[in-house]
Every structure is written in structure tokens, then in C-alpha cells.
C-alpha atoms as a PDB file:
ATOM      1  CA  MET A   1      68.598 110.693 121.724  1.00  0.00           C
ATOM      2  CA  LEU A   2      71.323 108.645 123.500  1.00  0.00           C
ATOM      3  CA  VAL A   3      73.946 111.373 123.223  1.00  0.00           C
ATOM      4  CA  GLU A   4      71.698 113.552 124.984  1.00  0.00           C
ATOM      5  CA  LEU A   5      70.586 111.339 127.679  1.00  0.00           C
ATOM      6  CA  ALA A   6      74.435 110.770 128.352  1.00  0.00           C
ATOM      7  CA  ASP A   7      75.138 114.666 128.055  1.00  0.00           C
ATOM      8  CA  ARG A   8      72.375 114.989 130.935  1.00  0.00           C
ATOM      9  CA  GLY A   9      74.205 112.201 133.228  1.00  0.00           C
ATOM     10  CA  LEU A  10      70.922 110.303 132.953  1.00  0.00           C
ATOM     11  CA  VAL A  11      72.797 107.119 131.266  1.00  0.00           C
ATOM     12  CA  PHE A  12      76.370 106.079 131.269  1.00  0.00           C
ATOM     13  CA  LYS A  13      77.304 107.440 134.533  1.00  0.00           C
ATOM     14  CA  GLY A  14      80.905 107.822 135.487  1.00  0.00           C
ATOM     15  CA  GLN A  15      81.888 106.935 131.737  1.00  0.00           C
ATOM     16  CA  GLU A  16      83.818 108.763 129.235  1.00  0.00           C
ATOM     17  CA  LYS A  17      81.885 110.467 126.764  1.00  0.00           C
ATOM     18  CA  ASN A  18      83.744 108.799 123.976  1.00  0.00           C
ATOM     19  CA  GLY A  19      82.960 105.494 125.701  1.00  0.00           C
ATOM     20  CA  ASN A  20      86.731 104.189 126.007  1.00  0.00           C
ATOM     21  CA  ASP A  21      88.093 103.573 129.173  1.00  0.00           C
ATOM     22  CA  VAL A  22      91.275 101.811 128.371  1.00  0.00           C
ATOM     23  CA  LYS A  23      94.614 102.347 129.708  1.00  0.00           C
ATOM     24  CA  ASP A  24      97.272 104.235 127.396  1.00  0.00           C
ATOM     25  CA  GLY A  25      99.113 101.135 126.938  1.00  0.00           C
ATOM     26  CA  LYS A  26      96.153  99.016 125.711  1.00  0.00           C
ATOM     27  CA  LEU A  27      94.866 101.792 123.888  1.00  0.00           C
ATOM     28  CA  GLU A  28      98.373 102.045 121.859  1.00  0.00           C
ATOM     29  CA  LEU A  29      98.559  97.980 121.598  1.00  0.00           C
ATOM     30  CA  SER A  30      94.787  98.676 119.673  1.00  0.00           C
ATOM     31  CA  ARG A  31      96.335 101.211 117.393  1.00  0.00           C
ATOM     32  CA  ARG A  32      99.177  99.010 116.560  1.00  0.00           C
ATOM     33  CA  LEU A  33      97.360  96.238 116.099  1.00  0.00           C
ATOM     34  CA  ALA A  34      94.860  97.804 113.689  1.00  0.00           C
ATOM     35  CA  GLU A  35      97.860  99.433 111.745  1.00  0.00           C
ATOM     36  CA  LEU A  36      99.400  95.754 111.498  1.00  0.00           C
ATOM     37  CA  ILE A  37      96.366  94.593 109.919  1.00  0.00           C
ATOM     38  CA  ALA A  38      95.820  97.417 107.667  1.00  0.00           C
ATOM     39  CA  VAL A  39      99.474  96.913 106.244  1.00  0.00           C
ATOM     40  CA  ARG A  40      98.712  93.019 105.768  1.00  0.00           C
ATOM     41  CA  GLY A  41      95.573  93.872 103.992  1.00  0.00           C
ATOM     42  CA  ALA A  42      97.423  96.249 101.573  1.00  0.00           C
ATOM     43  CA  ARG A  43     100.146  93.818 100.942  1.00  0.00           C
ATOM     44  CA  LEU A  44      97.651  90.927 100.113  1.00  0.00           C
ATOM     45  CA  CYS A  45      95.905  92.905  97.644  1.00  0.00           C
ATOM     46  CA  ALA A  46      99.213  94.127  96.298  1.00  0.00           C
ATOM     47  CA  TYR A  47     100.215  89.936  95.792  1.00  0.00           C
ATOM     48  CA  GLY A  48      96.821  89.336  94.193  1.00  0.00           C
ATOM     49  CA  VAL A  49      97.273  92.299  91.743  1.00  0.00           C
ATOM     50  CA  ALA A  50     100.730  91.340  91.281  1.00  0.00           C
ATOM     51  CA  ALA A  51     100.182  87.273  90.183  1.00  0.00           C
ATOM     52  CA  ILE A  52      97.621  88.676  87.831  1.00  0.00           C
ATOM     53  CA  CYS A  53     100.061  91.017  86.145  1.00  0.00           C
ATOM     54  CA  LEU A  54     102.721  88.446  86.488  1.00  0.00           C
ATOM     55  CA  LYS A  55     100.487  85.450  84.915  1.00  0.00           C
ATOM     56  CA  GLN A  56      99.291  87.960  82.362  1.00  0.00           C
ATOM     57  CA  GLY A  57     102.563  89.718  81.401  1.00  0.00           C
ATOM     58  CA  ASN A  58     101.179  93.047  82.095  1.00  0.00           C
ATOM     59  CA  THR A  59     104.008  95.523  83.074  1.00  0.00           C
ATOM     60  CA  GLU A  60     101.974  98.869  82.968  1.00  0.00           C
ATOM     61  CA  GLY A  61      98.405 100.066  83.343  1.00  0.00           C
ATOM     62  CA  HIS A  62      95.775 100.930  86.199  1.00  0.00           C
ATOM     63  CA  VAL A  63      94.253  98.748  88.933  1.00  0.00           C
ATOM     64  CA  ALA A  64      91.123  99.790  90.642  1.00  0.00           C
ATOM     65  CA  ALA A  65      89.633  98.458  93.763  1.00  0.00           C
ATOM     66  CA  ASP A  66      86.189  98.893  94.997  1.00  0.00           C
ATOM     67  CA  GLY A  67      84.782  99.266  98.491  1.00  0.00           C
ATOM     68  CA  SER A  68      85.196 101.250 101.460  1.00  0.00           C
ATOM     69  CA  LEU A  69      88.478 100.190 102.793  1.00  0.00           C
ATOM     70  CA  ALA A  70      89.874 101.292  99.291  1.00  0.00           C
ATOM     71  CA  ASN A  71      87.651 104.079  99.285  1.00  0.00           C
ATOM     72  CA  LYS A  72      88.123 105.463 102.666  1.00  0.00           C
ATOM     73  CA  HIS A  73      91.527 104.545 104.403  1.00  0.00           C
ATOM     74  CA  PRO A  74      93.687 107.039 104.493  1.00  0.00           C
ATOM     75  CA  LYS A  75      97.015 105.127 104.081  1.00  0.00           C
ATOM     76  CA  LEU A  76      95.647 101.875 101.968  1.00  0.00           C
ATOM     77  CA  LYS A  77      96.455 103.024  98.442  1.00  0.00           C
ATOM     78  CA  LYS A  78     100.125 104.476  99.255  1.00  0.00           C
ATOM     79  CA  ARG A  79     100.603 101.185 101.265  1.00  0.00           C
ATOM     80  CA  TRP A  80      99.327  99.211  98.132  1.00  0.00           C
ATOM     81  CA  ALA A  81     101.484 100.790  95.608  1.00  0.00           C
ATOM     82  CA  LYS A  82     104.740 100.313  97.678  1.00  0.00           C
ATOM     83  CA  ALA A  83     103.983  96.704  98.236  1.00  0.00           C
ATOM     84  CA  LEU A  84     103.185  96.066  94.949  1.00  0.00           C
ATOM     85  CA  GLY A  85     106.454  97.786  93.849  1.00  0.00           C
ATOM     86  CA  GLU A  86     108.446  95.474  96.268  1.00  0.00           C
ATOM     87  CA  THR A  87     106.651  92.447  94.660  1.00  0.00           C
ATOM     88  CA  LEU A  88     107.154  93.638  90.894  1.00  0.00           C
ATOM     89  CA  ASP A  89     110.754  94.720  91.709  1.00  0.00           C
ATOM     90  CA  TRP A  90     110.133  98.649  91.207  1.00  0.00           C
ATOM     91  CA  ASP A  91     110.347 101.277  93.823  1.00  0.00           C
ATOM     92  CA  GLY A  92     107.004 102.379  93.812  1.00  0.00           C
ATOM     93  CA  LYS A  93     107.529 105.025  95.547  1.00  0.00           C
ATOM     94  CA  VAL A  94     106.400 108.022  93.416  1.00  0.00           C
ATOM     95  CA  GLU A  95     102.283 107.631  93.024  1.00  0.00           C
ATOM     96  CA  ASN A  96     101.288 108.004  88.994  1.00  0.00           C
ATOM     97  CA  GLU A  97     104.746 107.171  88.052  1.00  0.00           C
ATOM     98  CA  ASP A  98     104.886 103.706  88.561  1.00  0.00           C
ATOM     99  CA  PRO A  99     104.422 101.239  85.765  1.00  0.00           C
ATOM    100  CA  ILE A 100     101.009 100.254  87.370  1.00  0.00           C
ATOM    101  CA  ILE A 101      99.003 102.725  88.979  1.00  0.00           C
ATOM    102  CA  THR A 102      96.551 101.674  91.967  1.00  0.00           C
ATOM    103  CA  THR A 103      93.460 103.727  92.501  1.00  0.00           C
ATOM    104  CA  SER A 104      89.892 103.320  93.854  1.00  0.00           C
ATOM    105  CA  ALA A 105      86.647 102.704  91.963  1.00  0.00           C
ATOM    106  CA  ASP A 106      83.939 104.643  93.586  1.00  0.00           C
ATOM    107  CA  ASP A 107      80.974 103.499  91.857  1.00  0.00           C
ATOM    108  CA  GLY A 108      80.887  99.672  92.778  1.00  0.00           C
ATOM    109  CA  SER A 109      80.759  96.889  90.431  1.00  0.00           C
ATOM    110  CA  GLY A 110      79.918  99.382  87.719  1.00  0.00           C
ATOM    111  CA  VAL A 111      82.983 101.254  87.444  1.00  0.00           C
ATOM    112  CA  GLY A 112      85.072  97.971  87.876  1.00  0.00           C
ATOM    113  CA  CYS A 113      83.141  96.368  84.639  1.00  0.00           C
ATOM    114  CA  ALA A 114      83.974  99.458  82.579  1.00  0.00           C
ATOM    115  CA  ILE A 115      87.717  99.352  83.971  1.00  0.00           C
ATOM    116  CA  ILE A 116      88.225  95.404  83.156  1.00  0.00           C
ATOM    117  CA  ALA A 117      86.576  95.975  79.882  1.00  0.00           C
ATOM    118  CA  ALA A 118      88.770  98.762  78.658  1.00  0.00           C
ATOM    119  CA  MET A 119      91.698  96.847  79.834  1.00  0.00           C
ATOM    120  CA  GLU A 120      90.756  93.668  77.698  1.00  0.00           C
ATOM    121  CA  LEU A 121      90.222  96.045  74.860  1.00  0.00           C
ATOM    122  CA  GLY A 122      93.579  97.663  75.385  1.00  0.00           C
ATOM    123  CA  ARG A 123      95.044  94.208  75.705  1.00  0.00           C
ATOM    124  CA  ARG A 124      93.756  92.955  72.528  1.00  0.00           C
ATOM    125  CA  ALA A 125      94.746  95.809  70.680  1.00  0.00           C
ATOM    126  CA  LYS A 126      98.243  95.614  71.752  1.00  0.00           C
ATOM    127  CA  HIS A 127      98.023  91.675  70.991  1.00  0.00           C
ATOM    128  CA  GLU A 128      96.621  92.631  67.555  1.00  0.00           C
ATOM    129  CA  GLU A 129      99.732  94.731  66.520  1.00  0.00           C
ATOM    130  CA  ALA A 130     102.245  92.389  67.622  1.00  0.00           C
END
């Protein structure tokens, strides 16, 4: 309804329809800041995963993240894999060929729980073989 009123010029007169009335420099600064924050978030995710992998001695497997950021951000998984590779000293450039593959969980905690259970079973099976 508000969009219809704006289209008819009854509200928000003189403003752009998208609501952005910023200069190009400020818009570029905002875009760059958002990008830096997203890169930092991916690196923090990687550091947490790397710490767990190093502590447990995991050198291969899958790691899944839940949430809108992991599922919807167009560059998060690639940045996460790259940072994980840098942290664990492998290149992280070729997705699905890295020793630890990053992915997203689409079903919230249910999938995360199943992944953790499967990882634990795999870990126990490897430990029993040794």
C-alpha cells in the first residue's frame, strides 16, 4: 500500500523511489564497508572451524553452517573456504577438492545435529580402526 501511495506522489515527495539519497562516494564507502565486514565474518568462521580441526586432529571432512548468512550470502562459502585454506596451510582455491569442504545446512539445527552425529560416528570408526 505504501508503494502505491509513493507511486501516486502522495507520500515521500521529492525522494527517490528506492529511498537512497546519498552521494556516490558515500554509497561506495558503504558498499566497501559491508564487503569488509562480510570478509571478516567469513574469516572468523574459518578461524573457529580451524581451531576445532586442529584441536581434534581432523585433516579432512565436511563443515556445515546454518543460518541466513551462510545460505544466502553469494560469496560467503568461497571466502570461508579460502580463509580456512590459508589458516590450515592448503590453498582452498578449488571447491569440493579441499580436504575440508565448507557447505551450508538448509534445515537449521536438525541438519546440523545429524551432521555432528555422522561426523562423530566417522571419527569413532576411524579411532577403532587405528
